Amino acid sequence: MGTSYWISVIAALGSMPLIIFLTGLAVFKLGRGYNTPKAWKNPEIQRFASRTCGKLFMIMATPAMLIVAIICIIIIAVNGGSITVGGWSIDLTGVFIQTAAIIPPIVITQMKLSKYFDKNGNRRF
């Protein structure tokens, strides 16, 4: 595998966290975009959910970008760009790391919605 292959892998793996970060920024700034049945109860809940999830997306995307970049640089420098870990190629490992960064913001946002709003969409406190 040549250098051009690894440049394309790094570009592809680096683009996903960047897209997650930019999406989180847009959702946070606009205050809309988080769409679940609980978030559509009223505009206040929708703004709260969108801002919470957008902020968490931005927070989670940054470490994912750094982890994948460091892993790719180490592999290129040490092994000449060819490695498998437990039968998985490093590009799949990078995708799994990045996908894992998407799930916690959604779960945390749903938990915060349940904590701060009742089932009818009224603030608890």
N, C-alpha and C. Protein backbone atom coordinates (compact mmCIF):
# COMPACT_ATOMS: atom_id res chain seq x y z
N MET A 1 0.85 -1.17 0.00
CA MET A 1 0.00 0.00 0.00
C MET A 1 0.89 1.23 0.00
N GLY A 2 0.64 2.05 -0.95
CA GLY A 2 1.49 3.22 -1.14
C GLY A 2 1.06 4.41 -0.32
N THR A 3 1.82 5.45 -0.48
CA THR A 3 1.57 6.69 0.25
C THR A 3 0.24 7.30 -0.15
N SER A 4 -0.11 7.23 -1.43
CA SER A 4 -1.37 7.83 -1.87
C SER A 4 -2.57 7.14 -1.22
N TYR A 5 -2.46 5.82 -0.98
CA TYR A 5 -3.53 5.11 -0.30
C TYR A 5 -3.72 5.68 1.10
N TRP A 6 -2.64 5.85 1.84
CA TRP A 6 -2.75 6.32 3.21
C TRP A 6 -3.16 7.78 3.29
N ILE A 7 -2.80 8.56 2.30
CA ILE A 7 -3.29 9.95 2.27
C ILE A 7 -4.80 9.95 2.11
N SER A 8 -5.32 9.08 1.23
CA SER A 8 -6.77 9.02 1.05
C SER A 8 -7.47 8.46 2.28
N VAL A 9 -6.84 7.49 2.97
CA VAL A 9 -7.43 6.94 4.20
C VAL A 9 -7.49 8.01 5.28
N ILE A 10 -6.42 8.75 5.45
CA ILE A 10 -6.40 9.81 6.46
C ILE A 10 -7.42 10.89 6.12
N ALA A 11 -7.52 11.24 4.84
CA ALA A 11 -8.51 12.24 4.43
C ALA A 11 -9.93 11.75 4.71
N ALA A 12 -10.19 10.49 4.40
CA ALA A 12 -11.54 9.94 4.63
C ALA A 12 -11.85 9.84 6.11
N LEU A 13 -10.89 9.32 6.89
CA LEU A 13 -11.12 9.18 8.34
C LEU A 13 -11.18 10.54 9.03
N GLY A 14 -10.44 11.49 8.53
CA GLY A 14 -10.45 12.82 9.13
C GLY A 14 -11.69 13.62 8.79
N SER A 15 -12.34 13.27 7.68
CA SER A 15 -13.51 14.04 7.26
C SER A 15 -14.74 13.75 8.12
N MET A 16 -14.89 12.52 8.60
CA MET A 16 -16.08 12.19 9.39
C MET A 16 -16.16 12.98 10.70
N PRO A 17 -15.10 13.02 11.51
CA PRO A 17 -15.20 13.84 12.73
C PRO A 17 -15.37 15.32 12.42
N LEU A 18 -14.77 15.77 11.33
CA LEU A 18 -14.93 17.18 10.93
C LEU A 18 -16.40 17.46 10.59
N ILE A 19 -17.02 16.54 9.88
CA ILE A 19 -18.44 16.70 9.54
C ILE A 19 -19.29 16.66 10.81
N ILE A 20 -18.97 15.76 11.74
CA ILE A 20 -19.70 15.69 13.01
C ILE A 20 -19.55 17.00 13.77
N PHE A 21 -18.33 17.53 13.81
CA PHE A 21 -18.07 18.79 14.51
C PHE A 21 -18.87 19.93 13.88
N LEU A 22 -18.82 20.05 12.56
CA LEU A 22 -19.53 21.13 11.88
C LEU A 22 -21.04 20.99 12.01
N THR A 23 -21.54 19.77 11.98
CA THR A 23 -22.97 19.54 12.19
C THR A 23 -23.37 19.94 13.60
N GLY A 24 -22.55 19.55 14.58
CA GLY A 24 -22.81 19.94 15.97
C GLY A 24 -22.82 21.44 16.14
N LEU A 25 -21.88 22.12 15.49
CA LEU A 25 -21.82 23.58 15.56
C LEU A 25 -23.07 24.20 14.96
N ALA A 26 -23.50 23.70 13.81
CA ALA A 26 -24.70 24.24 13.16
C ALA A 26 -25.95 24.00 14.01
N VAL A 27 -26.08 22.78 14.55
CA VAL A 27 -27.25 22.46 15.39
C VAL A 27 -27.24 23.31 16.65
N PHE A 28 -26.07 23.50 17.24
CA PHE A 28 -25.94 24.32 18.45
C PHE A 28 -26.32 25.77 18.17
N LYS A 29 -25.78 26.33 17.09
CA LYS A 29 -26.03 27.74 16.77
C LYS A 29 -27.48 28.00 16.35
N LEU A 30 -28.04 27.10 15.53
CA LEU A 30 -29.40 27.31 15.03
C LEU A 30 -30.47 26.94 16.05
N GLY A 31 -30.13 26.03 16.97
CA GLY A 31 -31.11 25.63 17.99
C GLY A 31 -32.20 24.74 17.44
N ARG A 32 -31.96 24.12 16.31
CA ARG A 32 -32.93 23.15 15.77
C ARG A 32 -32.16 22.11 14.97
N GLY A 33 -32.76 20.95 14.83
CA GLY A 33 -32.09 19.89 14.10
C GLY A 33 -32.10 18.57 14.83
N TYR A 34 -32.35 18.58 16.13
CA TYR A 34 -32.42 17.34 16.89
C TYR A 34 -33.87 16.86 16.84
N ASN A 35 -34.12 15.78 16.13
CA ASN A 35 -35.49 15.36 15.86
C ASN A 35 -35.80 14.00 16.48
N THR A 36 -36.44 14.04 17.63
CA THR A 36 -37.02 12.84 18.23
C THR A 36 -38.42 13.24 18.69
N PRO A 37 -39.29 12.27 18.92
CA PRO A 37 -40.65 12.63 19.36
C PRO A 37 -40.66 13.48 20.64
N LYS A 38 -39.76 13.18 21.55
CA LYS A 38 -39.70 13.95 22.79
C LYS A 38 -39.27 15.40 22.53
N ALA A 39 -38.39 15.60 21.57
CA ALA A 39 -37.88 16.95 21.29
C ALA A 39 -38.89 17.82 20.55
N TRP A 40 -39.93 17.23 19.99
CA TRP A 40 -40.91 18.00 19.22
C TRP A 40 -42.12 18.41 20.05
N LYS A 41 -42.07 18.25 21.36
CA LYS A 41 -43.22 18.62 22.20
C LYS A 41 -43.52 20.12 22.13
N ASN A 42 -42.47 20.94 22.20
CA ASN A 42 -42.65 22.38 22.07
C ASN A 42 -41.32 23.01 21.65
N PRO A 43 -41.33 24.28 21.23
CA PRO A 43 -40.09 24.92 20.75
C PRO A 43 -38.99 25.01 21.81
N GLU A 44 -39.37 25.16 23.07
CA GLU A 44 -38.37 25.25 24.14
C GLU A 44 -37.58 23.94 24.25
N ILE A 45 -38.29 22.82 24.19
CA ILE A 45 -37.63 21.52 24.26
C ILE A 45 -36.75 21.31 23.04
N GLN A 46 -37.23 21.72 21.88
CA GLN A 46 -36.45 21.53 20.66
C GLN A 46 -35.14 22.33 20.72
N ARG A 47 -35.21 23.57 21.19
CA ARG A 47 -33.98 24.37 21.34
C ARG A 47 -33.03 23.75 22.36
N PHE A 48 -33.59 23.32 23.50
CA PHE A 48 -32.76 22.71 24.54
C PHE A 48 -32.07 21.45 24.01
N ALA A 49 -32.83 20.57 23.36
CA ALA A 49 -32.27 19.32 22.86
C ALA A 49 -31.23 19.58 21.77
N SER A 50 -31.51 20.49 20.87
CA SER A 50 -30.58 20.78 19.78
C SER A 50 -29.28 21.39 20.31
N ARG A 51 -29.40 22.31 21.23
CA ARG A 51 -28.19 22.93 21.79
C ARG A 51 -27.37 21.92 22.59
N THR A 52 -28.04 21.08 23.36
CA THR A 52 -27.33 20.06 24.15
C THR A 52 -26.62 19.06 23.24
N CYS A 53 -27.34 18.53 22.28
CA CYS A 53 -26.75 17.52 21.39
C CYS A 53 -25.66 18.14 20.51
N GLY A 54 -25.88 19.35 20.02
CA GLY A 54 -24.86 20.02 19.20
C GLY A 54 -23.57 20.24 19.96
N LYS A 55 -23.69 20.68 21.22
CA LYS A 55 -22.50 20.89 22.05
C LYS A 55 -21.76 19.58 22.29
N LEU A 56 -22.51 18.52 22.57
CA LEU A 56 -21.88 17.22 22.80
C LEU A 56 -21.23 16.66 21.53
N PHE A 57 -21.85 16.89 20.38
CA PHE A 57 -21.22 16.46 19.11
C PHE A 57 -19.88 17.14 18.93
N MET A 58 -19.82 18.44 19.22
CA MET A 58 -18.55 19.16 19.07
C MET A 58 -17.51 18.63 20.04
N ILE A 59 -17.92 18.33 21.27
CA ILE A 59 -16.99 17.82 22.27
C ILE A 59 -16.49 16.42 21.90
N MET A 60 -17.36 15.56 21.40
CA MET A 60 -16.97 14.18 21.09
C MET A 60 -16.18 14.07 19.79
N ALA A 61 -16.41 14.96 18.85
CA ALA A 61 -15.72 14.86 17.55
C ALA A 61 -14.25 15.21 17.66
N THR A 62 -13.89 16.11 18.54
CA THR A 62 -12.49 16.54 18.65
C THR A 62 -11.56 15.39 19.07
N PRO A 63 -11.86 14.64 20.15
CA PRO A 63 -10.99 13.51 20.48
C PRO A 63 -10.96 12.45 19.39
N ALA A 64 -12.09 12.21 18.72
CA ALA A 64 -12.11 11.22 17.65
C ALA A 64 -11.16 11.62 16.53
N MET A 65 -11.14 12.90 16.18
CA MET A 65 -10.22 13.37 15.15
C MET A 65 -8.77 13.14 15.58
N LEU A 66 -8.46 13.48 16.81
CA LEU A 66 -7.10 13.34 17.30
C LEU A 66 -6.66 11.89 17.38
N ILE A 67 -7.53 11.03 17.89
CA ILE A 67 -7.18 9.61 18.03
C ILE A 67 -6.89 8.99 16.67
N VAL A 68 -7.76 9.23 15.71
CA VAL A 68 -7.58 8.64 14.39
C VAL A 68 -6.33 9.20 13.72
N ALA A 69 -6.08 10.49 13.85
CA ALA A 69 -4.89 11.08 13.24
C ALA A 69 -3.62 10.49 13.85
N ILE A 70 -3.58 10.35 15.16
CA ILE A 70 -2.39 9.80 15.82
C ILE A 70 -2.18 8.34 15.42
N ILE A 71 -3.25 7.55 15.39
CA ILE A 71 -3.13 6.14 15.00
C ILE A 71 -2.58 6.03 13.58
N CYS A 72 -3.12 6.81 12.66
CA CYS A 72 -2.67 6.74 11.26
C CYS A 72 -1.21 7.17 11.12
N ILE A 73 -0.82 8.22 11.81
CA ILE A 73 0.57 8.67 11.73
C ILE A 73 1.52 7.62 12.29
N ILE A 74 1.17 7.01 13.41
CA ILE A 74 2.02 5.96 13.99
C ILE A 74 2.14 4.78 13.05
N ILE A 75 1.05 4.36 12.47
CA ILE A 75 1.09 3.21 11.58
C ILE A 75 1.93 3.49 10.33
N ILE A 76 1.77 4.67 9.79
CA ILE A 76 2.56 5.02 8.60
C ILE A 76 4.05 5.07 8.96
N ALA A 77 4.37 5.66 10.10
CA ALA A 77 5.78 5.82 10.48
C ALA A 77 6.43 4.49 10.89
N VAL A 78 5.73 3.69 11.66
CA VAL A 78 6.32 2.48 12.23
C VAL A 78 6.26 1.29 11.27
N ASN A 79 5.10 1.04 10.70
CA ASN A 79 4.91 -0.17 9.92
C ASN A 79 4.86 0.04 8.42
N GLY A 80 5.15 1.20 7.97
CA GLY A 80 5.10 1.45 6.54
C GLY A 80 3.70 1.45 5.97
N GLY A 81 2.71 1.57 6.81
CA GLY A 81 1.34 1.71 6.35
C GLY A 81 0.55 0.43 6.23
N SER A 82 1.01 -0.67 6.77
CA SER A 82 0.26 -1.92 6.64
C SER A 82 0.14 -2.58 8.01
N ILE A 83 -1.06 -2.64 8.53
CA ILE A 83 -1.26 -3.26 9.84
C ILE A 83 -2.71 -3.74 9.97
N THR A 84 -2.87 -4.83 10.70
CA THR A 84 -4.20 -5.28 11.10
C THR A 84 -4.16 -5.50 12.60
N VAL A 85 -5.26 -5.21 13.24
CA VAL A 85 -5.36 -5.38 14.69
C VAL A 85 -6.50 -6.36 14.94
N GLY A 86 -6.17 -7.55 15.40
CA GLY A 86 -7.19 -8.55 15.67
C GLY A 86 -8.02 -8.90 14.44
N GLY A 87 -7.40 -8.86 13.28
CA GLY A 87 -8.11 -9.18 12.05
C GLY A 87 -8.80 -7.99 11.41
N TRP A 88 -8.81 -6.84 12.10
CA TRP A 88 -9.44 -5.63 11.57
C TRP A 88 -8.36 -4.73 10.99
N SER A 89 -8.62 -4.20 9.83
CA SER A 89 -7.67 -3.22 9.30
C SER A 89 -7.84 -1.92 10.06
N ILE A 90 -6.84 -1.09 10.04
CA ILE A 90 -6.87 0.14 10.83
C ILE A 90 -7.93 1.10 10.32
N ASP A 91 -8.27 1.06 9.03
CA ASP A 91 -9.30 1.98 8.56
C ASP A 91 -10.66 1.62 9.17
N LEU A 92 -10.95 0.32 9.34
CA LEU A 92 -12.20 -0.07 9.99
C LEU A 92 -12.19 0.30 11.47
N THR A 93 -11.05 0.17 12.11
CA THR A 93 -10.94 0.56 13.51
C THR A 93 -11.23 2.05 13.66
N GLY A 94 -10.70 2.86 12.76
CA GLY A 94 -10.96 4.30 12.79
C GLY A 94 -12.43 4.61 12.60
N VAL A 95 -13.09 3.89 11.73
CA VAL A 95 -14.52 4.11 11.50
C VAL A 95 -15.32 3.75 12.76
N PHE A 96 -14.95 2.66 13.43
CA PHE A 96 -15.64 2.28 14.65
C PHE A 96 -15.44 3.32 15.76
N ILE A 97 -14.24 3.85 15.88
CA ILE A 97 -13.98 4.89 16.88
C ILE A 97 -14.86 6.11 16.59
N GLN A 98 -14.93 6.50 15.33
CA GLN A 98 -15.71 7.67 14.97
C GLN A 98 -17.21 7.44 15.13
N THR A 99 -17.67 6.25 14.82
CA THR A 99 -19.08 5.95 14.99
C THR A 99 -19.45 5.93 16.47
N ALA A 100 -18.55 5.46 17.29
CA ALA A 100 -18.79 5.46 18.74
C ALA A 100 -18.91 6.88 19.28
N ALA A 101 -18.33 7.84 18.60
CA ALA A 101 -18.42 9.24 19.05
C ALA A 101 -19.79 9.84 18.77
N ILE A 102 -20.59 9.20 17.92
CA ILE A 102 -21.91 9.72 17.58
C ILE A 102 -22.97 9.30 18.59
N ILE A 103 -22.84 8.13 19.17
CA ILE A 103 -23.89 7.55 20.01
C ILE A 103 -24.05 8.25 21.37
N PRO A 104 -22.99 8.52 22.14
CA PRO A 104 -23.18 9.12 23.47
C PRO A 104 -23.92 10.46 23.48
N PRO A 105 -23.69 11.39 22.55
CA PRO A 105 -24.46 12.64 22.61
C PRO A 105 -25.97 12.43 22.51
N ILE A 106 -26.39 11.47 21.71
CA ILE A 106 -27.83 11.22 21.56
C ILE A 106 -28.40 10.65 22.85
N VAL A 107 -27.71 9.67 23.44
CA VAL A 107 -28.17 9.05 24.69
C VAL A 107 -28.19 10.08 25.82
N ILE A 108 -27.14 10.88 25.94
CA ILE A 108 -27.07 11.89 27.00
C ILE A 108 -28.16 12.94 26.82
N THR A 109 -28.41 13.36 25.59
CA THR A 109 -29.46 14.35 25.33
C THR A 109 -30.82 13.81 25.74
N GLN A 110 -31.11 12.56 25.40
CA GLN A 110 -32.39 11.97 25.80
C GLN A 110 -32.52 11.89 27.32
N MET A 111 -31.41 11.58 28.00
CA MET A 111 -31.44 11.52 29.48
C MET A 111 -31.70 12.91 30.05
N LYS A 112 -31.08 13.93 29.48
CA LYS A 112 -31.30 15.30 29.98
C LYS A 112 -32.73 15.76 29.70
N LEU A 113 -33.28 15.37 28.56
CA LEU A 113 -34.68 15.72 28.28
C LEU A 113 -35.60 15.12 29.33
N SER A 114 -35.35 13.86 29.68
CA SER A 114 -36.18 13.21 30.70
C SER A 114 -36.00 13.85 32.07
N LYS A 115 -34.80 14.34 32.34
CA LYS A 115 -34.51 14.95 33.64
C LYS A 115 -35.17 16.33 33.77
N TYR A 116 -35.13 17.14 32.71
CA TYR A 116 -35.59 18.52 32.80
C TYR A 116 -37.03 18.76 32.32
N PHE A 117 -37.62 17.80 31.59
CA PHE A 117 -38.97 17.98 31.07
C PHE A 117 -39.81 16.74 31.36
N ASP A 118 -41.10 16.96 31.65
CA ASP A 118 -41.98 15.81 31.86
C ASP A 118 -42.48 15.29 30.52
N LYS A 119 -43.35 14.26 30.54
CA LYS A 119 -43.79 13.63 29.30
C LYS A 119 -44.71 14.53 28.47
N ASN A 120 -45.25 15.59 29.08
CA ASN A 120 -46.12 16.52 28.36
C ASN A 120 -45.35 17.72 27.81
N GLY A 121 -44.06 17.80 28.11
CA GLY A 121 -43.24 18.89 27.59
C GLY A 121 -43.12 20.08 28.52
N ASN A 122 -43.53 19.95 29.77
CA ASN A 122 -43.41 21.04 30.74
C ASN A 122 -42.10 20.89 31.51
N ARG A 123 -41.47 22.02 31.84
CA ARG A 123 -40.24 21.98 32.64
C ARG A 123 -40.54 21.45 34.02
N ARG A 124 -39.61 20.61 34.50
CA ARG A 124 -39.78 20.04 35.85
C ARG A 124 -39.44 21.04 36.93
N PHE A 125 -38.43 21.90 36.71
CA PHE A 125 -38.08 22.92 37.71
C PHE A 125 -37.65 24.17 37.07
